[in-house]
């Protein structure tokens, strides 16, 4: 539901909620390995095409951030 709400929040400029929702979605993508593309595909006939592409774009961006975070160099112990 939060992924579905994000395009509208972007249009409204509600960046406080955008930040919270993006964080929640990122946690699900990382921890639960959610197949967001399949979820979006199931509802795409019910929502605007522009919102579908925005949601898929966001999922891709979040996955890129997660990958960068997971692949960052680990600090050396002193």
C-alpha atoms as a PDB file:
ATOM      1  CA  UNK A   1       0.000   0.000   0.000  1.00  0.00           C
ATOM      2  CA  UNK A   2       2.836   2.390   0.741  1.00  0.00           C
ATOM      3  CA  UNK A   3       4.385   1.757  -2.659  1.00  0.00           C
ATOM      4  CA  UNK A   4       0.997   2.471  -4.235  1.00  0.00           C
ATOM      5  CA  UNK A   5       0.738   5.750  -2.258  1.00  0.00           C
ATOM      6  CA  UNK A   6       4.169   7.109  -3.151  1.00  0.00           C
ATOM      7  CA  UNK A   7       3.446   8.620  -6.592  1.00  0.00           C
ATOM      8  CA  UNK A   8       0.597  10.626  -5.081  1.00  0.00           C
ATOM      9  CA  UNK A   9       2.782  11.772  -2.181  1.00  0.00           C
ATOM     10  CA  UNK A  10       5.429  12.910  -4.669  1.00  0.00           C
ATOM     11  CA  UNK A  11       2.815  14.945  -6.541  1.00  0.00           C
ATOM     12  CA  UNK A  12       1.611  16.463  -3.276  1.00  0.00           C
ATOM     13  CA  UNK A  13       5.156  17.278  -2.190  1.00  0.00           C
ATOM     14  CA  UNK A  14       4.648  15.425   1.107  1.00  0.00           C
ATOM     15  CA  UNK A  15       8.315  14.562   1.525  1.00  0.00           C
ATOM     16  CA  UNK A  16       8.025  13.753   5.219  1.00  0.00           C
ATOM     17  CA  UNK A  17       5.768  10.805   4.465  1.00  0.00           C
ATOM     18  CA  UNK A  18       7.735   9.956   1.293  1.00  0.00           C
ATOM     19  CA  UNK A  19      10.855   9.449   3.403  1.00  0.00           C
ATOM     20  CA  UNK A  20       9.046   7.200   5.881  1.00  0.00           C
ATOM     21  CA  UNK A  21       7.337   5.163   3.158  1.00  0.00           C
ATOM     22  CA  UNK A  22      10.535   4.742   1.150  1.00  0.00           C
ATOM     23  CA  UNK A  23      12.337   3.546   4.275  1.00  0.00           C
ATOM     24  CA  UNK A  24       9.619   1.007   5.036  1.00  0.00           C
ATOM     25  CA  UNK A  25       9.654  -0.286   1.464  1.00  0.00           C
ATOM     26  CA  UNK A  26      13.453  -0.529   1.461  1.00  0.00           C
ATOM     27  CA  UNK A  27      13.337  -2.610   4.652  1.00  0.00           C
ATOM     28  CA  UNK A  28      10.858  -5.003   3.053  1.00  0.00           C
ATOM     29  CA  UNK A  29      12.924  -5.276  -0.122  1.00  0.00           C
ATOM     30  CA  UNK A  30      16.070  -5.982   1.852  1.00  0.00           C
ATOM     31  CA  UNK A  31      14.782  -8.135   4.696  1.00  0.00           C
ATOM     32  CA  UNK A  32      11.802  -9.969   3.256  1.00  0.00           C
ATOM     33  CA  UNK A  33      12.978 -10.087  -0.370  1.00  0.00           C
ATOM     34  CA  UNK A  34       9.577  -8.947  -1.646  1.00  0.00           C
ATOM     35  CA  UNK A  35       8.911  -9.349  -5.374  1.00  0.00           C
ATOM     36  CA  UNK A  36       7.590  -5.823  -5.803  1.00  0.00           C
ATOM     37  CA  UNK A  37       7.416  -6.082  -9.589  1.00  0.00           C
ATOM     38  CA  UNK A  38       4.913  -8.940  -9.340  1.00  0.00           C
ATOM     39  CA  UNK A  39       2.836  -6.989  -6.839  1.00  0.00           C
ATOM     40  CA  UNK A  40       2.764  -3.960  -9.130  1.00  0.00           C
ATOM     41  CA  UNK A  41       1.876  -6.189 -12.095  1.00  0.00           C
ATOM     42  CA  UNK A  42      -1.160  -7.479 -10.201  1.00  0.00           C
ATOM     43  CA  UNK A  43      -2.609  -3.990  -9.696  1.00  0.00           C
ATOM     44  CA  UNK A  44      -1.403  -2.206 -12.832  1.00  0.00           C
ATOM     45  CA  UNK A  45      -4.780  -2.436 -14.560  1.00  0.00           C
ATOM     46  CA  UNK A  46      -6.296  -0.478 -11.660  1.00  0.00           C
ATOM     47  CA  UNK A  47      -3.887   2.468 -11.561  1.00  0.00           C
ATOM     48  CA  UNK A  48      -2.430   5.114 -13.855  1.00  0.00           C
ATOM     49  CA  UNK A  49       0.315   3.912 -16.196  1.00  0.00           C
ATOM     50  CA  UNK A  50       2.488   6.798 -15.030  1.00  0.00           C
ATOM     51  CA  UNK A  51       2.102   5.599 -11.435  1.00  0.00           C
ATOM     52  CA  UNK A  52       3.064   2.049 -12.459  1.00  0.00           C
ATOM     53  CA  UNK A  53       6.275   3.260 -14.084  1.00  0.00           C
ATOM     54  CA  UNK A  54       7.006   5.531 -11.095  1.00  0.00           C
ATOM     55  CA  UNK A  55       6.581   2.637  -8.663  1.00  0.00           C
ATOM     56  CA  UNK A  56       8.825   0.353 -10.719  1.00  0.00           C
ATOM     57  CA  UNK A  57      11.415   3.106 -11.041  1.00  0.00           C
ATOM     58  CA  UNK A  58      11.371   3.632  -7.283  1.00  0.00           C
ATOM     59  CA  UNK A  59      11.776  -0.091  -6.583  1.00  0.00           C
ATOM     60  CA  UNK A  60      14.793  -0.151  -8.910  1.00  0.00           C
ATOM     61  CA  UNK A  61      16.338   2.882  -7.208  1.00  0.00           C
ATOM     62  CA  UNK A  62      15.791   1.406  -3.747  1.00  0.00           C
ATOM     63  CA  UNK A  63      17.365  -1.881  -4.819  1.00  0.00           C
ATOM     64  CA  UNK A  64      20.391   0.028  -6.159  1.00  0.00           C
ATOM     65  CA  UNK A  65      20.771   1.827  -2.814  1.00  0.00           C
ATOM     66  CA  UNK A  66      20.460  -1.451  -0.918  1.00  0.00           C
ATOM     67  CA  UNK A  67      23.116  -3.038  -3.132  1.00  0.00           C
ATOM     68  CA  UNK A  68      25.485  -0.085  -2.604  1.00  0.00           C
ATOM     69  CA  UNK A  69      24.915  -0.312   1.150  1.00  0.00           C
ATOM     70  CA  UNK A  70      25.474  -4.060   1.265  1.00  0.00           C
ATOM     71  CA  UNK A  71      28.613  -3.847  -0.908  1.00  0.00           C
ATOM     72  CA  UNK A  72      30.259  -0.933   0.886  1.00  0.00           C
ATOM     73  CA  UNK A  73      33.715  -1.569   2.331  1.00  0.00           C
ATOM     74  CA  UNK A  74      33.599  -2.749   5.914  1.00  0.00           C
ATOM     75  CA  UNK A  75      35.590  -0.722   8.446  1.00  0.00           C
ATOM     76  CA  UNK A  76      38.787  -2.309   9.642  1.00  0.00           C
ATOM     77  CA  UNK A  77      39.046  -3.168  13.319  1.00  0.00           C
ATOM     78  CA  UNK A  78      41.884  -1.352  15.054  1.00  0.00           C
END
